[in-house]
Amino acid sequence: MEHPPPVASDGEIRICARQCTTCIFAAGNKMHLNPGRLAQMIREAMDREGHIVCHSTLNHPRAAICRGFADHPHARQRSLALRVGLATGILAFVDPPATDDTDAQSTSPTASREQGK
């Protein structure tokens, strides 16, 4: 199993502020996942208290947790990164890249805290 890139650095845990344009959680299966694959990814992430990294940020130095995953009804209780980020106030909401060659940009710390409430 390949390890996902880190979503935490510089005293923050990054989460996408909104779903990327091809989010695997969006209606229409824009990433052409095989039937059952998304459910498997969710189950595996939650079983290991992990998360799903936004595929648009996978090749960027500042990867972020997928917004679709973070919005799952059980994600905030089952993901260690989300629990820690919420408990400590270090969630940083970042804009997902507009294209695959654009880095995700962090919002201000104030905006991050407000979005986390």
PDB file of N, CA and C in Angstrom:
ATOM      1  N   MET A   1       0.837  -1.186   0.000  1.00  0.00           N
ATOM      2  CA  MET A   1       0.000   0.000   0.000  1.00  0.00           C
ATOM      3  C   MET A   1       0.878   1.245   0.000  1.00  0.00           C
ATOM      4  N   GLU A   2       0.625   2.121  -0.931  1.00  0.00           N
ATOM      5  CA  GLU A   2       1.385   3.357  -1.037  1.00  0.00           C
ATOM      6  C   GLU A   2       0.864   4.365  -0.019  1.00  0.00           C
ATOM      7  N   HIS A   3       1.772   5.091   0.608  1.00  0.00           N
ATOM      8  CA  HIS A   3       1.369   6.087   1.598  1.00  0.00           C
ATOM      9  C   HIS A   3       1.014   7.388   0.894  1.00  0.00           C
ATOM     10  N   PRO A   4      -0.094   8.016   1.307  1.00  0.00           N
ATOM     11  CA  PRO A   4      -0.465   9.300   0.706  1.00  0.00           C
ATOM     12  C   PRO A   4       0.479  10.401   1.177  1.00  0.00           C
ATOM     13  N   PRO A   5       0.534  11.503   0.440  1.00  0.00           N
ATOM     14  CA  PRO A   5       1.386  12.613   0.875  1.00  0.00           C
ATOM     15  C   PRO A   5       0.839  13.218   2.167  1.00  0.00           C
ATOM     16  N   PRO A   6       1.700  13.844   2.957  1.00  0.00           N
ATOM     17  CA  PRO A   6       1.226  14.429   4.225  1.00  0.00           C
ATOM     18  C   PRO A   6       0.314  15.633   3.989  1.00  0.00           C
ATOM     19  N   VAL A   7      -0.709  15.722   4.820  1.00  0.00           N
ATOM     20  CA  VAL A   7      -1.626  16.865   4.760  1.00  0.00           C
ATOM     21  C   VAL A   7      -1.374  17.817   5.927  1.00  0.00           C
ATOM     22  N   ALA A   8      -0.357  17.517   6.729  1.00  0.00           N
ATOM     23  CA  ALA A   8      -0.025  18.352   7.878  1.00  0.00           C
ATOM     24  C   ALA A   8       1.422  18.809   7.789  1.00  0.00           C
ATOM     25  N   SER A   9       1.618  20.092   7.983  1.00  0.00           N
ATOM     26  CA  SER A   9       2.954  20.680   8.082  1.00  0.00           C
ATOM     27  C   SER A   9       2.783  22.128   8.504  1.00  0.00           C
ATOM     28  N   ASP A  10       3.847  22.727   8.948  1.00  0.00           N
ATOM     29  CA  ASP A  10       3.835  24.137   9.340  1.00  0.00           C
ATOM     30  C   ASP A  10       2.744  24.449  10.364  1.00  0.00           C
ATOM     31  N   GLY A  11       2.463  23.502  11.249  1.00  0.00           N
ATOM     32  CA  GLY A  11       1.504  23.736  12.312  1.00  0.00           C
ATOM     33  C   GLY A  11       0.052  23.751  11.872  1.00  0.00           C
ATOM     34  N   GLU A  12      -0.236  23.149  10.721  1.00  0.00           N
ATOM     35  CA  GLU A  12      -1.615  23.120  10.248  1.00  0.00           C
ATOM     36  C   GLU A  12      -1.939  21.775   9.611  1.00  0.00           C
ATOM     37  N   ILE A  13      -3.221  21.445   9.599  1.00  0.00           N
ATOM     38  CA  ILE A  13      -3.720  20.277   8.887  1.00  0.00           C
ATOM     39  C   ILE A  13      -4.617  20.840   7.787  1.00  0.00           C
ATOM     40  N   ARG A  14      -4.237  20.563   6.543  1.00  0.00           N
ATOM     41  CA  ARG A  14      -4.946  21.148   5.406  1.00  0.00           C
ATOM     42  C   ARG A  14      -6.149  20.305   4.978  1.00  0.00           C
ATOM     43  N   ILE A  15      -7.231  20.989   4.661  1.00  0.00           N
ATOM     44  CA  ILE A  15      -8.453  20.385   4.152  1.00  0.00           C
ATOM     45  C   ILE A  15      -8.958  21.285   3.026  1.00  0.00           C
ATOM     46  N   CYS A  16      -9.436  20.704   1.966  1.00  0.00           N
ATOM     47  CA  CYS A  16      -9.965  21.522   0.873  1.00  0.00           C
ATOM     48  C   CYS A  16     -11.189  22.302   1.347  1.00  0.00           C
ATOM     49  N   ALA A  17     -11.245  23.559   0.984  1.00  0.00           N
ATOM     50  CA  ALA A  17     -12.352  24.427   1.376  1.00  0.00           C
ATOM     51  C   ALA A  17     -13.641  24.032   0.660  1.00  0.00           C
ATOM     52  N   ARG A  18     -13.504  23.397  -0.484  1.00  0.00           N
ATOM     53  CA  ARG A  18     -14.662  22.927  -1.257  1.00  0.00           C
ATOM     54  C   ARG A  18     -14.202  21.740  -2.097  1.00  0.00           C
ATOM     55  N   GLN A  19     -15.130  21.034  -2.682  1.00  0.00           N
ATOM     56  CA  GLN A  19     -14.766  19.913  -3.548  1.00  0.00           C
ATOM     57  C   GLN A  19     -14.062  20.440  -4.791  1.00  0.00           C
ATOM     58  N   CYS A  20     -13.065  19.684  -5.259  1.00  0.00           N
ATOM     59  CA  CYS A  20     -12.409  20.037  -6.512  1.00  0.00           C
ATOM     60  C   CYS A  20     -13.371  19.730  -7.661  1.00  0.00           C
ATOM     61  N   THR A  21     -13.041  20.168  -8.842  1.00  0.00           N
ATOM     62  CA  THR A  21     -13.957  20.023  -9.977  1.00  0.00           C
ATOM     63  C   THR A  21     -14.192  18.572 -10.387  1.00  0.00           C
ATOM     64  N   THR A  22     -13.290  17.682 -10.012  1.00  0.00           N
ATOM     65  CA  THR A  22     -13.459  16.260 -10.355  1.00  0.00           C
ATOM     66  C   THR A  22     -13.501  15.390  -9.107  1.00  0.00           C
ATOM     67  N   CYS A  23     -14.069  15.914  -8.037  1.00  0.00           N
ATOM     68  CA  CYS A  23     -14.106  15.201  -6.758  1.00  0.00           C
ATOM     69  C   CYS A  23     -14.747  13.822  -6.910  1.00  0.00           C
ATOM     70  N   ILE A  24     -14.134  12.840  -6.309  1.00  0.00           N
ATOM     71  CA  ILE A  24     -14.658  11.475  -6.374  1.00  0.00           C
ATOM     72  C   ILE A  24     -15.984  11.342  -5.634  1.00  0.00           C
ATOM     73  N   PHE A  25     -16.326  12.324  -4.811  1.00  0.00           N
ATOM     74  CA  PHE A  25     -17.591  12.301  -4.081  1.00  0.00           C
ATOM     75  C   PHE A  25     -18.705  13.032  -4.832  1.00  0.00           C
ATOM     76  N   ALA A  26     -18.366  13.715  -5.904  1.00  0.00           N
ATOM     77  CA  ALA A  26     -19.373  14.448  -6.677  1.00  0.00           C
ATOM     78  C   ALA A  26     -20.242  13.482  -7.469  1.00  0.00           C
ATOM     79  N   ALA A  27     -21.455  13.902  -7.730  1.00  0.00           N
ATOM     80  CA  ALA A  27     -22.363  13.093  -8.540  1.00  0.00           C
ATOM     81  C   ALA A  27     -21.787  12.908  -9.946  1.00  0.00           C
ATOM     82  N   GLY A  28     -22.031  11.768 -10.513  1.00  0.00           N
ATOM     83  CA  GLY A  28     -21.628  11.529 -11.892  1.00  0.00           C
ATOM     84  C   GLY A  28     -20.346  10.748 -12.087  1.00  0.00           C
ATOM     85  N   ASN A  29     -19.668  10.341 -11.011  1.00  0.00           N
ATOM     86  CA  ASN A  29     -18.456   9.525 -11.116  1.00  0.00           C
ATOM     87  C   ASN A  29     -17.466  10.107 -12.124  1.00  0.00           C
ATOM     88  N   LYS A  30     -17.084  11.359 -11.923  1.00  0.00           N
ATOM     89  CA  LYS A  30     -16.198  12.079 -12.845  1.00  0.00           C
ATOM     90  C   LYS A  30     -14.822  11.441 -12.993  1.00  0.00           C
ATOM     91  N   MET A  31     -14.406  10.660 -12.008  1.00  0.00           N
ATOM     92  CA  MET A  31     -13.090  10.008 -12.089  1.00  0.00           C
ATOM     93  C   MET A  31     -13.196   8.566 -12.588  1.00  0.00           C
ATOM     94  N   HIS A  32     -14.394   8.147 -12.958  1.00  0.00           N
ATOM     95  CA  HIS A  32     -14.625   6.823 -13.548  1.00  0.00           C
ATOM     96  C   HIS A  32     -14.134   5.692 -12.643  1.00  0.00           C
ATOM     97  N   LEU A  33     -14.471   5.804 -11.362  1.00  0.00           N
ATOM     98  CA  LEU A  33     -14.101   4.753 -10.418  1.00  0.00           C
ATOM     99  C   LEU A  33     -14.928   3.501 -10.689  1.00  0.00           C
ATOM    100  N   ASN A  34     -14.335   2.355 -10.469  1.00  0.00           N
ATOM    101  CA  ASN A  34     -15.069   1.097 -10.604  1.00  0.00           C
ATOM    102  C   ASN A  34     -16.171   1.038  -9.549  1.00  0.00           C
ATOM    103  N   PRO A  35     -17.254   0.328  -9.841  1.00  0.00           N
ATOM    104  CA  PRO A  35     -18.336   0.206  -8.856  1.00  0.00           C
ATOM    105  C   PRO A  35     -17.792  -0.320  -7.518  1.00  0.00           C
ATOM    106  N   GLY A  36     -18.174   0.347  -6.445  1.00  0.00           N
ATOM    107  CA  GLY A  36     -17.757  -0.061  -5.106  1.00  0.00           C
ATOM    108  C   GLY A  36     -16.411   0.492  -4.661  1.00  0.00           C
ATOM    109  N   ARG A  37     -15.651   1.082  -5.572  1.00  0.00           N
ATOM    110  CA  ARG A  37     -14.310   1.567  -5.210  1.00  0.00           C
ATOM    111  C   ARG A  37     -14.356   2.706  -4.195  1.00  0.00           C
ATOM    112  N   LEU A  38     -15.265   3.657  -4.371  1.00  0.00           N
ATOM    113  CA  LEU A  38     -15.356   4.768  -3.427  1.00  0.00           C
ATOM    114  C   LEU A  38     -15.716   4.264  -2.035  1.00  0.00           C
ATOM    115  N   ALA A  39     -16.684   3.373  -1.958  1.00  0.00           N
ATOM    116  CA  ALA A  39     -17.067   2.803  -0.663  1.00  0.00           C
ATOM    117  C   ALA A  39     -15.890   2.084  -0.023  1.00  0.00           C
ATOM    118  N   GLN A  40     -15.093   1.380  -0.831  1.00  0.00           N
ATOM    119  CA  GLN A  40     -13.910   0.694  -0.318  1.00  0.00           C
ATOM    120  C   GLN A  40     -12.889   1.693   0.221  1.00  0.00           C
ATOM    121  N   MET A  41     -12.664   2.788  -0.505  1.00  0.00           N
ATOM    122  CA  MET A  41     -11.715   3.809  -0.067  1.00  0.00           C
ATOM    123  C   MET A  41     -12.157   4.433   1.259  1.00  0.00           C
ATOM    124  N   ILE A  42     -13.442   4.708   1.376  1.00  0.00           N
ATOM    125  CA  ILE A  42     -13.968   5.291   2.616  1.00  0.00           C
ATOM    126  C   ILE A  42     -13.783   4.315   3.772  1.00  0.00           C
ATOM    127  N   ARG A  43     -14.162   3.075   3.544  1.00  0.00           N
ATOM    128  CA  ARG A  43     -14.052   2.042   4.588  1.00  0.00           C
ATOM    129  C   ARG A  43     -12.594   1.879   5.030  1.00  0.00           C
ATOM    130  N   GLU A  44     -11.666   1.797   4.076  1.00  0.00           N
ATOM    131  CA  GLU A  44     -10.250   1.637   4.422  1.00  0.00           C
ATOM    132  C   GLU A  44      -9.724   2.836   5.196  1.00  0.00           C
ATOM    133  N   ALA A  45     -10.093   4.040   4.794  1.00  0.00           N
ATOM    134  CA  ALA A  45      -9.632   5.241   5.495  1.00  0.00           C
ATOM    135  C   ALA A  45     -10.152   5.260   6.930  1.00  0.00           C
ATOM    136  N   MET A  46     -11.418   4.962   7.094  1.00  0.00           N
ATOM    137  CA  MET A  46     -12.007   5.003   8.438  1.00  0.00           C
ATOM    138  C   MET A  46     -11.515   3.865   9.317  1.00  0.00           C
ATOM    139  N   ASP A  47     -11.284   2.698   8.724  1.00  0.00           N
ATOM    140  CA  ASP A  47     -10.773   1.567   9.508  1.00  0.00           C
ATOM    141  C   ASP A  47      -9.401   1.863  10.099  1.00  0.00           C
ATOM    142  N   ARG A  48      -8.598   2.676   9.433  1.00  0.00           N
ATOM    143  CA  ARG A  48      -7.256   2.994   9.939  1.00  0.00           C
ATOM    144  C   ARG A  48      -7.183   4.393  10.558  1.00  0.00           C
ATOM    145  N   GLU A  49      -8.388   4.984  10.819  1.00  0.00           N
ATOM    146  CA  GLU A  49      -8.492   6.339  11.370  1.00  0.00           C
ATOM    147  C   GLU A  49      -7.778   7.355  10.495  1.00  0.00           C
ATOM    148  N   GLY A  50      -7.810   7.108   9.195  1.00  0.00           N
ATOM    149  CA  GLY A  50      -7.133   7.980   8.239  1.00  0.00           C
ATOM    150  C   GLY A  50      -8.088   8.937   7.556  1.00  0.00           C
ATOM    151  N   HIS A  51      -7.766   9.248   6.330  1.00  0.00           N
ATOM    152  CA  HIS A  51      -8.542  10.188   5.533  1.00  0.00           C
ATOM    153  C   HIS A  51      -8.230   9.923   4.064  1.00  0.00           C
ATOM    154  N   ILE A  52      -8.943  10.586   3.187  1.00  0.00           N
ATOM    155  CA  ILE A  52      -8.667  10.508   1.756  1.00  0.00           C
ATOM    156  C   ILE A  52      -8.088  11.851   1.345  1.00  0.00           C
ATOM    157  N   VAL A  53      -6.942  11.806   0.673  1.00  0.00           N
ATOM    158  CA  VAL A  53      -6.303  13.019   0.188  1.00  0.00           C
ATOM    159  C   VAL A  53      -6.970  13.412  -1.127  1.00  0.00           C
ATOM    160  N   CYS A  54      -7.246  14.686  -1.301  1.00  0.00           N
ATOM    161  CA  CYS A  54      -7.818  15.176  -2.555  1.00  0.00           C
ATOM    162  C   CYS A  54      -6.870  14.811  -3.692  1.00  0.00           C
ATOM    163  N   HIS A  55      -7.400  14.113  -4.702  1.00  0.00           N
ATOM    164  CA  HIS A  55      -6.542  13.663  -5.798  1.00  0.00           C
ATOM    165  C   HIS A  55      -5.935  14.839  -6.564  1.00  0.00           C
ATOM    166  N   SER A  56      -6.571  16.000  -6.530  1.00  0.00           N
ATOM    167  CA  SER A  56      -6.025  17.179  -7.207  1.00  0.00           C
ATOM    168  C   SER A  56      -4.795  17.735  -6.492  1.00  0.00           C
ATOM    169  N   THR A  57      -4.590  17.330  -5.235  1.00  0.00           N
ATOM    170  CA  THR A  57      -3.435  17.823  -4.474  1.00  0.00           C
ATOM    171  C   THR A  57      -2.359  16.756  -4.278  1.00  0.00           C
ATOM    172  N   LEU A  58      -2.560  15.564  -4.832  1.00  0.00           N
ATOM    173  CA  LEU A  58      -1.623  14.456  -4.591  1.00  0.00           C
ATOM    174  C   LEU A  58      -0.185  14.774  -4.990  1.00  0.00           C
ATOM    175  N   ASN A  59       0.015  15.497  -6.060  1.00  0.00           N
ATOM    176  CA  ASN A  59       1.369  15.781  -6.544  1.00  0.00           C
ATOM    177  C   ASN A  59       1.868  17.164  -6.149  1.00  0.00           C
ATOM    178  N   HIS A  60       1.232  17.753  -5.155  1.00  0.00           N
ATOM    179  CA  HIS A  60       1.622  19.077  -4.698  1.00  0.00           C
ATOM    180  C   HIS A  60       2.274  18.981  -3.324  1.00  0.00           C
ATOM    181  N   PRO A  61       3.193  19.877  -3.020  1.00  0.00           N
ATOM    182  CA  PRO A  61       3.866  19.811  -1.716  1.00  0.00           C
ATOM    183  C   PRO A  61       2.938  20.085  -0.541  1.00  0.00           C
ATOM    184  N   ARG A  62       1.787  20.675  -0.793  1.00  0.00           N
ATOM    185  CA  ARG A  62       0.845  20.979   0.289  1.00  0.00           C
ATOM    186  C   ARG A  62      -0.473  20.257   0.016  1.00  0.00           C
ATOM    187  N   ALA A  63      -0.429  18.934   0.083  1.00  0.00           N
ATOM    188  CA  ALA A  63      -1.618  18.114  -0.130  1.00  0.00           C
ATOM    189  C   ALA A  63      -2.668  18.443   0.931  1.00  0.00           C
ATOM    190  N   ALA A  64      -3.936  18.122   0.627  1.00  0.00           N
ATOM    191  CA  ALA A  64      -5.029  18.446   1.542  1.00  0.00           C
ATOM    192  C   ALA A  64      -6.034  17.297   1.591  1.00  0.00           C
ATOM    193  N   ILE A  65      -6.742  17.202   2.703  1.00  0.00           N
ATOM    194  CA  ILE A  65      -7.801  16.209   2.851  1.00  0.00           C
ATOM    195  C   ILE A  65      -8.932  16.563   1.894  1.00  0.00           C
ATOM    196  N   CYS A  66      -9.460  15.558   1.237  1.00  0.00           N
ATOM    197  CA  CYS A  66     -10.576  15.719   0.305  1.00  0.00           C
ATOM    198  C   CYS A  66     -11.794  16.277   1.027  1.00  0.00           C
ATOM    199  N   ARG A  67     -12.393  17.309   0.460  1.00  0.00           N
ATOM    200  CA  ARG A  67     -13.577  17.913   1.077  1.00  0.00           C
ATOM    201  C   ARG A  67     -14.753  16.935   1.077  1.00  0.00           C
ATOM    202  N   GLY A  68     -14.885  16.170   0.009  1.00  0.00           N
ATOM    203  CA  GLY A  68     -15.957  15.180  -0.041  1.00  0.00           C
ATOM    204  C   GLY A  68     -15.840  14.182   1.097  1.00  0.00           C
ATOM    205  N   PHE A  69     -14.612  13.735   1.381  1.00  0.00           N
ATOM    206  CA  PHE A  69     -14.410  12.820   2.503  1.00  0.00           C
ATOM    207  C   PHE A  69     -14.720  13.524   3.820  1.00  0.00           C
ATOM    208  N   ALA A  70     -14.229  14.733   3.991  1.00  0.00           N
ATOM    209  CA  ALA A  70     -14.438  15.465   5.242  1.00  0.00           C
ATOM    210  C   ALA A  70     -15.918  15.701   5.521  1.00  0.00           C
ATOM    211  N   ASP A  71     -16.724  15.786   4.473  1.00  0.00           N
ATOM    212  CA  ASP A  71     -18.156  16.005   4.646  1.00  0.00           C
ATOM    213  C   ASP A  71     -18.933  14.712   4.892  1.00  0.00           C
ATOM    214  N   HIS A  72     -18.256  13.572   4.840  1.00  0.00           N
ATOM    215  CA  HIS A  72     -18.926  12.293   5.114  1.00  0.00           C
ATOM    216  C   HIS A  72     -19.448  12.331   6.553  1.00  0.00           C
ATOM    217  N   PRO A  73     -20.639  11.778   6.800  1.00  0.00           N
ATOM    218  CA  PRO A  73     -21.234  11.863   8.144  1.00  0.00           C
ATOM    219  C   PRO A  73     -20.370  11.326   9.288  1.00  0.00           C
ATOM    220  N   HIS A  74     -19.461  10.392   9.020  1.00  0.00           N
ATOM    221  CA  HIS A  74     -18.651   9.805  10.088  1.00  0.00           C
ATOM    222  C   HIS A  74     -17.188  10.250  10.075  1.00  0.00           C
ATOM    223  N   ALA A  75     -16.805  11.042   9.097  1.00  0.00           N
ATOM    224  CA  ALA A  75     -15.387  11.391   8.937  1.00  0.00           C
ATOM    225  C   ALA A  75     -14.812  12.136  10.141  1.00  0.00           C
ATOM    226  N   ARG A  76     -15.533  13.073  10.664  1.00  0.00           N
ATOM    227  CA  ARG A  76     -14.982  13.882  11.768  1.00  0.00           C
ATOM    228  C   ARG A  76     -14.787  13.087  13.049  1.00  0.00           C
ATOM    229  N   GLN A  77     -15.516  11.991  13.189  1.00  0.00           N
ATOM    230  CA  GLN A  77     -15.319  11.139  14.358  1.00  0.00           C
ATOM    231  C   GLN A  77     -14.275  10.057  14.099  1.00  0.00           C
ATOM    232  N   ARG A  78     -14.122   9.629  12.853  1.00  0.00           N
ATOM    233  CA  ARG A  78     -13.276   8.478  12.557  1.00  0.00           C
ATOM    234  C   ARG A  78     -11.870   8.836  12.071  1.00  0.00           C
ATOM    235  N   SER A  79     -11.660  10.045  11.569  1.00  0.00           N
ATOM    236  CA  SER A  79     -10.352  10.447  11.049  1.00  0.00           C
ATOM    237  C   SER A  79      -9.537  11.134  12.141  1.00  0.00           C
ATOM    238  N   LEU A  80      -8.379  10.581  12.434  1.00  0.00           N
ATOM    239  CA  LEU A  80      -7.507  11.164  13.457  1.00  0.00           C
ATOM    240  C   LEU A  80      -7.108  12.591  13.083  1.00  0.00           C
ATOM    241  N   ALA A  81      -6.747  12.821  11.829  1.00  0.00           N
ATOM    242  CA  ALA A  81      -6.332  14.165  11.407  1.00  0.00           C
ATOM    243  C   ALA A  81      -7.452  15.180  11.605  1.00  0.00           C
ATOM    244  N   LEU A  82      -8.665  14.807  11.240  1.00  0.00           N
ATOM    245  CA  LEU A  82      -9.787  15.734  11.420  1.00  0.00           C
ATOM    246  C   LEU A  82     -10.095  15.954  12.897  1.00  0.00           C
ATOM    247  N   ARG A  83     -10.021  14.902  13.704  1.00  0.00           N
ATOM    248  CA  ARG A  83     -10.267  15.060  15.152  1.00  0.00           C
ATOM    249  C   ARG A  83      -9.238  15.989  15.774  1.00  0.00           C
ATOM    250  N   VAL A  84      -7.969  15.768  15.451  1.00  0.00           N
ATOM    251  CA  VAL A  84      -6.901  16.608  16.011  1.00  0.00           C
ATOM    252  C   VAL A  84      -7.051  18.049  15.527  1.00  0.00           C
ATOM    253  N   GLY A  85      -7.303  18.204  14.239  1.00  0.00           N
ATOM    254  CA  GLY A  85      -7.454  19.546  13.680  1.00  0.00           C
ATOM    255  C   GLY A  85      -8.602  20.317  14.298  1.00  0.00           C
ATOM    256  N   LEU A  86      -9.720  19.636  14.489  1.00  0.00           N
ATOM    257  CA  LEU A  86     -10.873  20.288  15.107  1.00  0.00           C
ATOM    258  C   LEU A  86     -10.621  20.601  16.582  1.00  0.00           C
ATOM    259  N   ALA A  87     -10.013  19.662  17.295  1.00  0.00           N
ATOM    260  CA  ALA A  87      -9.778  19.851  18.730  1.00  0.00           C
ATOM    261  C   ALA A  87      -8.767  20.956  19.015  1.00  0.00           C
ATOM    262  N   THR A  88      -7.805  21.125  18.132  1.00  0.00           N
ATOM    263  CA  THR A  88      -6.735  22.095  18.373  1.00  0.00           C
ATOM    264  C   THR A  88      -6.883  23.385  17.577  1.00  0.00           C
ATOM    265  N   GLY A  89      -7.846  23.410  16.668  1.00  0.00           N
ATOM    266  CA  GLY A  89      -8.060  24.617  15.865  1.00  0.00           C
ATOM    267  C   GLY A  89      -7.014  24.855  14.805  1.00  0.00           C
ATOM    268  N   ILE A  90      -6.349  23.787  14.344  1.00  0.00           N
ATOM    269  CA  ILE A  90      -5.292  23.979  13.351  1.00  0.00           C
ATOM    270  C   ILE A  90      -5.694  23.532  11.948  1.00  0.00           C
ATOM    271  N   LEU A  91      -6.990  23.371  11.702  1.00  0.00           N
ATOM    272  CA  LEU A  91      -7.421  23.065  10.337  1.00  0.00           C
ATOM    273  C   LEU A  91      -7.220  24.303   9.481  1.00  0.00           C
ATOM    274  N   ALA A  92      -6.585  24.131   8.347  1.00  0.00           N
ATOM    275  CA  ALA A  92      -6.387  25.221   7.391  1.00  0.00           C
ATOM    276  C   ALA A  92      -7.150  24.858   6.128  1.00  0.00           C
ATOM    277  N   PHE A  93      -8.143  25.647   5.783  1.00  0.00           N
ATOM    278  CA  PHE A  93      -8.954  25.384   4.600  1.00  0.00           C
ATOM    279  C   PHE A  93      -8.243  25.977   3.386  1.00  0.00           C
ATOM    280  N   VAL A  94      -7.985  25.136   2.398  1.00  0.00           N
ATOM    281  CA  VAL A  94      -7.258  25.555   1.200  1.00  0.00           C
ATOM    282  C   VAL A  94      -8.144  25.386  -0.027  1.00  0.00           C
ATOM    283  N   ASP A  95      -7.923  26.239  -0.988  1.00  0.00           N
ATOM    284  CA  ASP A  95      -8.631  26.113  -2.250  1.00  0.00           C
ATOM    285  C   ASP A  95      -8.004  24.972  -3.044  1.00  0.00           C
ATOM    286  N   PRO A  96      -8.819  24.069  -3.565  1.00  0.00           N
ATOM    287  CA  PRO A  96      -8.242  23.007  -4.391  1.00  0.00           C
ATOM    288  C   PRO A  96      -7.688  23.627  -5.670  1.00  0.00           C
ATOM    289  N   PRO A  97      -6.692  22.998  -6.264  1.00  0.00           N
ATOM    290  CA  PRO A  97      -6.144  23.545  -7.504  1.00  0.00           C
ATOM    291  C   PRO A  97      -7.219  23.653  -8.576  1.00  0.00           C
ATOM    292  N   ALA A  98      -7.142  24.721  -9.358  1.00  0.00           N
ATOM    293  CA  ALA A  98      -8.079  24.887 -10.467  1.00  0.00           C
ATOM    294  C   ALA A  98      -7.743  23.892 -11.572  1.00  0.00           C
ATOM    295  N   THR A  99      -6.453  23.599 -11.701  1.00  0.00           N
ATOM    296  CA  THR A  99      -5.974  22.605 -12.658  1.00  0.00           C
ATOM    297  C   THR A  99      -4.907  21.786 -11.965  1.00  0.00           C
ATOM    298  N   ASP A 100      -4.454  20.742 -12.617  1.00  0.00           N
ATOM    299  CA  ASP A 100      -3.441  19.874 -12.017  1.00  0.00           C
ATOM    300  C   ASP A 100      -2.097  20.557 -11.821  1.00  0.00           C
ATOM    301  N   ASP A 101      -1.859  21.711 -12.454  1.00  0.00           N
ATOM    302  CA  ASP A 101      -0.552  22.359 -12.303  1.00  0.00           C
ATOM    303  C   ASP A 101      -0.608  23.600 -11.414  1.00  0.00           C
ATOM    304  N   THR A 102      -1.667  23.745 -10.612  1.00  0.00           N
ATOM    305  CA  THR A 102      -1.807  24.886  -9.713  1.00  0.00           C
ATOM    306  C   THR A 102      -1.767  24.406  -8.274  1.00  0.00           C
ATOM    307  N   ASP A 103      -0.909  25.013  -7.461  1.00  0.00           N
ATOM    308  CA  ASP A 103      -0.828  24.646  -6.045  1.00  0.00           C
ATOM    309  C   ASP A 103      -2.053  25.123  -5.292  1.00  0.00           C
ATOM    310  N   ALA A 104      -2.467  24.332  -4.296  1.00  0.00           N
ATOM    311  CA  ALA A 104      -3.537  24.753  -3.398  1.00  0.00           C
ATOM    312  C   ALA A 104      -3.018  25.900  -2.539  1.00  0.00           C
ATOM    313  N   GLN A 105      -3.824  26.926  -2.356  1.00  0.00           N
ATOM    314  CA  GLN A 105      -3.426  28.092  -1.575  1.00  0.00           C
ATOM    315  C   GLN A 105      -4.213  28.123  -0.275  1.00  0.00           C
ATOM    316  N   SER A 106      -3.518  28.366   0.817  1.00  0.00           N
ATOM    317  CA  SER A 106      -4.159  28.401   2.132  1.00  0.00           C
ATOM    318  C   SER A 106      -4.917  29.707   2.317  1.00  0.00           C
ATOM    319  N   THR A 107      -6.051  29.613   2.988  1.00  0.00           N
ATOM    320  CA  THR A 107      -6.781  30.815   3.361  1.00  0.00           C
ATOM    321  C   THR A 107      -6.141  31.374   4.620  1.00  0.00           C
ATOM    322  N   SER A 108      -6.578  32.532   5.049  1.00  0.00           N
ATOM    323  CA  SER A 108      -6.009  33.139   6.242  1.00  0.00           C
ATOM    324  C   SER A 108      -6.352  32.296   7.469  1.00  0.00           C
ATOM    325  N   PRO A 109      -5.529  32.360   8.522  1.00  0.00           N
ATOM    326  CA  PRO A 109      -5.832  31.606   9.739  1.00  0.00           C
ATOM    327  C   PRO A 109      -7.201  31.955  10.314  1.00  0.00           C
ATOM    328  N   THR A 110      -7.603  33.207  10.231  1.00  0.00           N
ATOM    329  CA  THR A 110      -8.909  33.602  10.751  1.00  0.00           C
ATOM    330  C   THR A 110     -10.016  32.919   9.963  1.00  0.00           C
ATOM    331  N   ALA A 111      -9.910  32.940   8.639  1.00  0.00           N
ATOM    332  CA  ALA A 111     -10.918  32.294   7.805  1.00  0.00           C
ATOM    333  C   ALA A 111     -10.930  30.793   8.074  1.00  0.00           C
ATOM    334  N   SER A 112      -9.765  30.215   8.282  1.00  0.00           N
ATOM    335  CA  SER A 112      -9.679  28.778   8.559  1.00  0.00           C
ATOM    336  C   SER A 112     -10.417  28.437   9.839  1.00  0.00           C
ATOM    337  N   ARG A 113     -10.210  29.205  10.885  1.00  0.00           N
ATOM    338  CA  ARG A 113     -10.869  28.943  12.150  1.00  0.00           C
ATOM    339  C   ARG A 113     -12.381  29.112  12.022  1.00  0.00           C
ATOM    340  N   GLU A 114     -12.802  30.149  11.282  1.00  0.00           N
ATOM    341  CA  GLU A 114     -14.228  30.393  11.123  1.00  0.00           C
ATOM    342  C   GLU A 114     -14.897  29.262  10.355  1.00  0.00           C
ATOM    343  N   GLN A 115     -14.252  28.729   9.313  1.00  0.00           N
ATOM    344  CA  GLN A 115     -14.831  27.654   8.537  1.00  0.00           C
ATOM    345  C   GLN A 115     -14.887  26.357   9.325  1.00  0.00           C
ATOM    346  N   GLY A 116     -14.009  26.195  10.310  1.00  0.00           N
ATOM    347  CA  GLY A 116     -13.959  24.986  11.104  1.00  0.00           C
ATOM    348  C   GLY A 116     -15.032  24.929  12.180  1.00  0.00           C
ATOM    349  N   LYS A 117     -15.722  26.017  12.422  1.00  0.00           N
ATOM    350  CA  LYS A 117     -16.754  26.050  13.481  1.00  0.00           C
ATOM    351  C   LYS A 117     -18.010  25.376  13.038  1.00  0.00           C
TER     352      LYS A 117
END
